[in-house]
Amino acid sequence: MGVIGEREADALLDLRERAEAAADAIDDRAAELLDQLPADVLAACADCTHINDLAAALVRVVAEREAGRA
């Protein structure tokens, strides 16, 4: 594997900066959305570490809400 040139290095740095900016934007939007969630949803999702955990918690919350309406 050879040494990369200055242009390639600049392109990689630019790509990294854009990726970091995108990650920051995603984090900011996620925080905004979390602030809008009802307390029962936040409580159900407190221990979620994987998207499948989150989905299961949301299904439980919806089922509990619907059971309360019956």
PDB file of N, CA and C in Angstrom:
ATOM      1  N   MET A   1       0.853  -1.163   0.000  1.00  0.00           N
ATOM      2  CA  MET A   1       0.000   0.000   0.000  1.00  0.00           C
ATOM      3  C   MET A   1       0.901   1.228   0.000  1.00  0.00           C
ATOM      4  N   GLY A   2       0.636   2.148  -0.894  1.00  0.00           N
ATOM      5  CA  GLY A   2       1.494   3.315  -1.050  1.00  0.00           C
ATOM      6  C   GLY A   2       1.071   4.474  -0.172  1.00  0.00           C
ATOM      7  N   VAL A   3       1.887   5.486  -0.232  1.00  0.00           N
ATOM      8  CA  VAL A   3       1.620   6.722   0.506  1.00  0.00           C
ATOM      9  C   VAL A   3       0.574   7.529  -0.256  1.00  0.00           C
ATOM     10  N   ILE A   4      -0.367   8.115   0.471  1.00  0.00           N
ATOM     11  CA  ILE A   4      -1.384   8.918  -0.206  1.00  0.00           C
ATOM     12  C   ILE A   4      -0.859  10.337  -0.410  1.00  0.00           C
ATOM     13  N   GLY A   5      -1.346  10.959  -1.437  1.00  0.00           N
ATOM     14  CA  GLY A   5      -0.915  12.311  -1.749  1.00  0.00           C
ATOM     15  C   GLY A   5      -1.659  13.348  -0.921  1.00  0.00           C
ATOM     16  N   GLU A   6      -1.228  14.599  -1.070  1.00  0.00           N
ATOM     17  CA  GLU A   6      -1.830  15.693  -0.315  1.00  0.00           C
ATOM     18  C   GLU A   6      -3.301  15.860  -0.664  1.00  0.00           C
ATOM     19  N   ARG A   7      -3.660  15.718  -1.922  1.00  0.00           N
ATOM     20  CA  ARG A   7      -5.045  15.875  -2.345  1.00  0.00           C
ATOM     21  C   ARG A   7      -5.929  14.798  -1.713  1.00  0.00           C
ATOM     22  N   GLU A   8      -5.439  13.573  -1.707  1.00  0.00           N
ATOM     23  CA  GLU A   8      -6.199  12.479  -1.100  1.00  0.00           C
ATOM     24  C   GLU A   8      -6.341  12.681   0.400  1.00  0.00           C
ATOM     25  N   ALA A   9      -5.268  13.143   1.039  1.00  0.00           N
ATOM     26  CA  ALA A   9      -5.313  13.395   2.481  1.00  0.00           C
ATOM     27  C   ALA A   9      -6.324  14.497   2.794  1.00  0.00           C
ATOM     28  N   ASP A  10      -6.324  15.550   1.984  1.00  0.00           N
ATOM     29  CA  ASP A  10      -7.298  16.628   2.180  1.00  0.00           C
ATOM     30  C   ASP A  10      -8.721  16.126   1.991  1.00  0.00           C
ATOM     31  N   ALA A  11      -8.918  15.276   0.991  1.00  0.00           N
ATOM     32  CA  ALA A  11     -10.249  14.717   0.741  1.00  0.00           C
ATOM     33  C   ALA A  11     -10.704  13.857   1.911  1.00  0.00           C
ATOM     34  N   LEU A  12      -9.794  13.071   2.479  1.00  0.00           N
ATOM     35  CA  LEU A  12     -10.140  12.240   3.633  1.00  0.00           C
ATOM     36  C   LEU A  12     -10.473  13.092   4.853  1.00  0.00           C
ATOM     37  N   LEU A  13      -9.717  14.153   5.074  1.00  0.00           N
ATOM     38  CA  LEU A  13     -10.008  15.058   6.183  1.00  0.00           C
ATOM     39  C   LEU A  13     -11.358  15.740   6.008  1.00  0.00           C
ATOM     40  N   ASP A  14     -11.641  16.154   4.776  1.00  0.00           N
ATOM     41  CA  ASP A  14     -12.934  16.772   4.488  1.00  0.00           C
ATOM     42  C   ASP A  14     -14.061  15.779   4.729  1.00  0.00           C
ATOM     43  N   LEU A  15     -13.885  14.561   4.293  1.00  0.00           N
ATOM     44  CA  LEU A  15     -14.893  13.525   4.499  1.00  0.00           C
ATOM     45  C   LEU A  15     -15.115  13.275   5.984  1.00  0.00           C
ATOM     46  N   ARG A  16     -14.035  13.219   6.743  1.00  0.00           N
ATOM     47  CA  ARG A  16     -14.161  13.016   8.185  1.00  0.00           C
ATOM     48  C   ARG A  16     -14.913  14.166   8.839  1.00  0.00           C
ATOM     49  N   GLU A  17     -14.600  15.394   8.453  1.00  0.00           N
ATOM     50  CA  GLU A  17     -15.278  16.559   9.011  1.00  0.00           C
ATOM     51  C   GLU A  17     -16.766  16.540   8.685  1.00  0.00           C
ATOM     52  N   ARG A  18     -17.102  16.170   7.448  1.00  0.00           N
ATOM     53  CA  ARG A  18     -18.511  16.093   7.068  1.00  0.00           C
ATOM     54  C   ARG A  18     -19.228  14.977   7.826  1.00  0.00           C
ATOM     55  N   ALA A  19     -18.547  13.856   8.040  1.00  0.00           N
ATOM     56  CA  ALA A  19     -19.144  12.749   8.795  1.00  0.00           C
ATOM     57  C   ALA A  19     -19.377  13.161  10.250  1.00  0.00           C
ATOM     58  N   GLU A  20     -18.427  13.864  10.834  1.00  0.00           N
ATOM     59  CA  GLU A  20     -18.592  14.337  12.206  1.00  0.00           C
ATOM     60  C   GLU A  20     -19.730  15.347  12.308  1.00  0.00           C
ATOM     61  N   ALA A  21     -19.849  16.234  11.322  1.00  0.00           N
ATOM     62  CA  ALA A  21     -20.942  17.207  11.316  1.00  0.00           C
ATOM     63  C   ALA A  21     -22.282  16.500  11.187  1.00  0.00           C
ATOM     64  N   ALA A  22     -22.351  15.488  10.343  1.00  0.00           N
ATOM     65  CA  ALA A  22     -23.592  14.726  10.185  1.00  0.00           C
ATOM     66  C   ALA A  22     -23.944  13.995  11.472  1.00  0.00           C
ATOM     67  N   ALA A  23     -22.953  13.413  12.133  1.00  0.00           N
ATOM     68  CA  ALA A  23     -23.200  12.721  13.399  1.00  0.00           C
ATOM     69  C   ALA A  23     -23.696  13.703  14.456  1.00  0.00           C
ATOM     70  N   ASP A  24     -23.119  14.890  14.499  1.00  0.00           N
ATOM     71  CA  ASP A  24     -23.579  15.907  15.446  1.00  0.00           C
ATOM     72  C   ASP A  24     -25.025  16.310  15.164  1.00  0.00           C
ATOM     73  N   ALA A  25     -25.369  16.448  13.888  1.00  0.00           N
ATOM     74  CA  ALA A  25     -26.740  16.815  13.515  1.00  0.00           C
ATOM     75  C   ALA A  25     -27.725  15.714  13.920  1.00  0.00           C
ATOM     76  N   ILE A  26     -27.324  14.466  13.736  1.00  0.00           N
ATOM     77  CA  ILE A  26     -28.172  13.341  14.138  1.00  0.00           C
ATOM     78  C   ILE A  26     -28.351  13.341  15.653  1.00  0.00           C
ATOM     79  N   ASP A  27     -27.283  13.551  16.401  1.00  0.00           N
ATOM     80  CA  ASP A  27     -27.377  13.611  17.858  1.00  0.00           C
ATOM     81  C   ASP A  27     -28.304  14.732  18.311  1.00  0.00           C
ATOM     82  N   ASP A  28     -28.172  15.889  17.677  1.00  0.00           N
ATOM     83  CA  ASP A  28     -29.030  17.029  18.039  1.00  0.00           C
ATOM     84  C   ASP A  28     -30.492  16.716  17.775  1.00  0.00           C
ATOM     85  N   ARG A  29     -30.780  16.129  16.619  1.00  0.00           N
ATOM     86  CA  ARG A  29     -32.173  15.798  16.276  1.00  0.00           C
ATOM     87  C   ARG A  29     -32.714  14.725  17.198  1.00  0.00           C
ATOM     88  N   ALA A  30     -31.900  13.745  17.528  1.00  0.00           N
ATOM     89  CA  ALA A  30     -32.335  12.693  18.455  1.00  0.00           C
ATOM     90  C   ALA A  30     -32.675  13.294  19.809  1.00  0.00           C
ATOM     91  N   ALA A  31     -31.880  14.227  20.279  1.00  0.00           N
ATOM     92  CA  ALA A  31     -32.162  14.882  21.556  1.00  0.00           C
ATOM     93  C   ALA A  31     -33.473  15.659  21.488  1.00  0.00           C
ATOM     94  N   GLU A  32     -33.711  16.334  20.368  1.00  0.00           N
ATOM     95  CA  GLU A  32     -34.975  17.057  20.200  1.00  0.00           C
ATOM     96  C   GLU A  32     -36.162  16.100  20.249  1.00  0.00           C
ATOM     97  N   LEU A  33     -36.037  14.974  19.575  1.00  0.00           N
ATOM     98  CA  LEU A  33     -37.122  13.996  19.554  1.00  0.00           C
ATOM     99  C   LEU A  33     -37.334  13.370  20.930  1.00  0.00           C
ATOM    100  N   LEU A  34     -36.254  13.083  21.636  1.00  0.00           N
ATOM    101  CA  LEU A  34     -36.386  12.525  22.978  1.00  0.00           C
ATOM    102  C   LEU A  34     -37.108  13.481  23.916  1.00  0.00           C
ATOM    103  N   ASP A  35     -36.853  14.759  23.751  1.00  0.00           N
ATOM    104  CA  ASP A  35     -37.526  15.751  24.587  1.00  0.00           C
ATOM    105  C   ASP A  35     -39.032  15.771  24.367  1.00  0.00           C
ATOM    106  N   GLN A  36     -39.490  15.269  23.230  1.00  0.00           N
ATOM    107  CA  GLN A  36     -40.911  15.275  22.899  1.00  0.00           C
ATOM    108  C   GLN A  36     -41.640  14.009  23.329  1.00  0.00           C
ATOM    109  N   LEU A  37     -40.903  13.001  23.763  1.00  0.00           N
ATOM    110  CA  LEU A  37     -41.538  11.737  24.135  1.00  0.00           C
ATOM    111  C   LEU A  37     -42.248  11.842  25.480  1.00  0.00           C
ATOM    112  N   PRO A  38     -43.393  11.195  25.589  1.00  0.00           N
ATOM    113  CA  PRO A  38     -44.091  11.165  26.878  1.00  0.00           C
ATOM    114  C   PRO A  38     -43.271  10.409  27.932  1.00  0.00           C
ATOM    115  N   ALA A  39     -43.566  10.681  29.183  1.00  0.00           N
ATOM    116  CA  ALA A  39     -42.812  10.086  30.288  1.00  0.00           C
ATOM    117  C   ALA A  39     -42.872   8.563  30.286  1.00  0.00           C
ATOM    118  N   ASP A  40     -44.028   7.968  29.960  1.00  0.00           N
ATOM    119  CA  ASP A  40     -44.121   6.508  29.974  1.00  0.00           C
ATOM    120  C   ASP A  40     -43.243   5.862  28.906  1.00  0.00           C
ATOM    121  N   VAL A  41     -43.099   6.527  27.784  1.00  0.00           N
ATOM    122  CA  VAL A  41     -42.234   6.005  26.725  1.00  0.00           C
ATOM    123  C   VAL A  41     -40.774   6.114  27.159  1.00  0.00           C
ATOM    124  N   LEU A  42     -40.399   7.252  27.720  1.00  0.00           N
ATOM    125  CA  LEU A  42     -39.018   7.408  28.198  1.00  0.00           C
ATOM    126  C   LEU A  42     -38.687   6.378  29.264  1.00  0.00           C
ATOM    127  N   ALA A  43     -39.611   6.146  30.177  1.00  0.00           N
ATOM    128  CA  ALA A  43     -39.374   5.170  31.245  1.00  0.00           C
ATOM    129  C   ALA A  43     -39.213   3.764  30.670  1.00  0.00           C
ATOM    130  N   ALA A  44     -40.052   3.422  29.701  1.00  0.00           N
ATOM    131  CA  ALA A  44     -39.985   2.080  29.100  1.00  0.00           C
ATOM    132  C   ALA A  44     -38.690   1.872  28.342  1.00  0.00           C
ATOM    133  N   CYS A  45     -38.138   2.943  27.817  1.00  0.00           N
ATOM    134  CA  CYS A  45     -36.941   2.842  26.978  1.00  0.00           C
ATOM    135  C   CYS A  45     -35.641   3.137  27.740  1.00  0.00           C
ATOM    136  N   ALA A  46     -35.733   3.352  29.017  1.00  0.00           N
ATOM    137  CA  ALA A  46     -34.563   3.771  29.797  1.00  0.00           C
ATOM    138  C   ALA A  46     -33.402   2.789  29.712  1.00  0.00           C
ATOM    139  N   ASP A  47     -33.694   1.503  29.665  1.00  0.00           N
ATOM    140  CA  ASP A  47     -32.635   0.493  29.659  1.00  0.00           C
ATOM    141  C   ASP A  47     -32.365  -0.087  28.273  1.00  0.00           C
ATOM    142  N   CYS A  48     -32.935   0.495  27.247  1.00  0.00           N
ATOM    143  CA  CYS A  48     -32.753  -0.017  25.892  1.00  0.00           C
ATOM    144  C   CYS A  48     -31.308   0.209  25.428  1.00  0.00           C
ATOM    145  N   THR A  49     -30.716  -0.860  24.929  1.00  0.00           N
ATOM    146  CA  THR A  49     -29.349  -0.759  24.416  1.00  0.00           C
ATOM    147  C   THR A  49     -29.269  -1.134  22.942  1.00  0.00           C
ATOM    148  N   HIS A  50     -30.375  -1.565  22.382  1.00  0.00           N
ATOM    149  CA  HIS A  50     -30.400  -2.011  20.988  1.00  0.00           C
ATOM    150  C   HIS A  50     -31.738  -1.604  20.398  1.00  0.00           C
ATOM    151  N   ILE A  51     -31.791  -1.417  19.106  1.00  0.00           N
ATOM    152  CA  ILE A  51     -33.021  -1.001  18.441  1.00  0.00           C
ATOM    153  C   ILE A  51     -34.145  -1.997  18.686  1.00  0.00           C
ATOM    154  N   ASN A  52     -33.824  -3.282  18.819  1.00  0.00           N
ATOM    155  CA  ASN A  52     -34.860  -4.282  19.095  1.00  0.00           C
ATOM    156  C   ASN A  52     -35.443  -4.086  20.490  1.00  0.00           C
ATOM    157  N   ASP A  53     -34.607  -3.687  21.458  1.00  0.00           N
ATOM    158  CA  ASP A  53     -35.106  -3.386  22.796  1.00  0.00           C
ATOM    159  C   ASP A  53     -36.073  -2.211  22.749  1.00  0.00           C
ATOM    160  N   LEU A  54     -35.704  -1.207  21.983  1.00  0.00           N
ATOM    161  CA  LEU A  54     -36.539  -0.022  21.838  1.00  0.00           C
ATOM    162  C   LEU A  54     -37.886  -0.378  21.222  1.00  0.00           C
ATOM    163  N   ALA A  55     -37.859  -1.181  20.169  1.00  0.00           N
ATOM    164  CA  ALA A  55     -39.104  -1.592  19.514  1.00  0.00           C
ATOM    165  C   ALA A  55     -39.991  -2.367  20.475  1.00  0.00           C
ATOM    166  N   ALA A  56     -39.422  -3.291  21.234  1.00  0.00           N
ATOM    167  CA  ALA A  56     -40.200  -4.070  22.194  1.00  0.00           C
ATOM    168  C   ALA A  56     -40.799  -3.167  23.274  1.00  0.00           C
ATOM    169  N   ALA A  57     -40.028  -2.207  23.754  1.00  0.00           N
ATOM    170  CA  ALA A  57     -40.525  -1.285  24.775  1.00  0.00           C
ATOM    171  C   ALA A  57     -41.683  -0.449  24.235  1.00  0.00           C
ATOM    172  N   LEU A  58     -41.572   0.012  23.014  1.00  0.00           N
ATOM    173  CA  LEU A  58     -42.646   0.810  22.427  1.00  0.00           C
ATOM    174  C   LEU A  58     -43.902  -0.022  22.220  1.00  0.00           C
ATOM    175  N   VAL A  59     -43.752  -1.274  21.842  1.00  0.00           N
ATOM    176  CA  VAL A  59     -44.906  -2.165  21.699  1.00  0.00           C
ATOM    177  C   VAL A  59     -45.595  -2.342  23.046  1.00  0.00           C
ATOM    178  N   ARG A  60     -44.814  -2.510  24.120  1.00  0.00           N
ATOM    179  CA  ARG A  60     -45.400  -2.647  25.464  1.00  0.00           C
ATOM    180  C   ARG A  60     -46.177  -1.402  25.868  1.00  0.00           C
ATOM    181  N   VAL A  61     -45.603  -0.227  25.593  1.00  0.00           N
ATOM    182  CA  VAL A  61     -46.270   1.028  25.948  1.00  0.00           C
ATOM    183  C   VAL A  61     -47.594   1.160  25.205  1.00  0.00           C
ATOM    184  N   VAL A  62     -47.580   0.867  23.932  1.00  0.00           N
ATOM    185  CA  VAL A  62     -48.817   0.962  23.143  1.00  0.00           C
ATOM    186  C   VAL A  62     -49.851  -0.030  23.673  1.00  0.00           C
ATOM    187  N   ALA A  63     -49.434  -1.252  23.977  1.00  0.00           N
ATOM    188  CA  ALA A  63     -50.364  -2.255  24.505  1.00  0.00           C
ATOM    189  C   ALA A  63     -50.941  -1.810  25.848  1.00  0.00           C
ATOM    190  N   GLU A  64     -50.089  -1.242  26.708  1.00  0.00           N
ATOM    191  CA  GLU A  64     -50.574  -0.764  28.006  1.00  0.00           C
ATOM    192  C   GLU A  64     -51.562   0.383  27.835  1.00  0.00           C
ATOM    193  N   ARG A  65     -51.288   1.275  26.918  1.00  0.00           N
ATOM    194  CA  ARG A  65     -52.202   2.391  26.669  1.00  0.00           C
ATOM    195  C   ARG A  65     -53.542   1.893  26.147  1.00  0.00           C
ATOM    196  N   GLU A  66     -53.493   0.950  25.212  1.00  0.00           N
ATOM    197  CA  GLU A  66     -54.734   0.425  24.649  1.00  0.00           C
ATOM    198  C   GLU A  66     -55.504  -0.381  25.677  1.00  0.00           C
ATOM    199  N   ALA A  67     -54.821  -1.086  26.553  1.00  0.00           N
ATOM    200  CA  ALA A  67     -55.496  -1.840  27.609  1.00  0.00           C
ATOM    201  C   ALA A  67     -56.194  -0.883  28.576  1.00  0.00           C
ATOM    202  N   GLY A  68     -55.606   0.266  28.800  1.00  0.00           N
ATOM    203  CA  GLY A  68     -56.204   1.260  29.684  1.00  0.00           C
ATOM    204  C   GLY A  68     -57.440   1.896  29.090  1.00  0.00           C
ATOM    205  N   ARG A  69     -57.572   1.890  27.794  1.00  0.00           N
ATOM    206  CA  ARG A  69     -58.745   2.464  27.120  1.00  0.00           C
ATOM    207  C   ARG A  69     -59.927   1.522  27.112  1.00  0.00           C
ATOM    208  N   ALA A  70     -59.649   0.217  27.247  1.00  0.00           N
ATOM    209  CA  ALA A  70     -60.725  -0.792  27.140  1.00  0.00           C
ATOM    210  C   ALA A  70     -61.619  -0.804  28.351  1.00  0.00           C
TER     211      ALA A  70
END
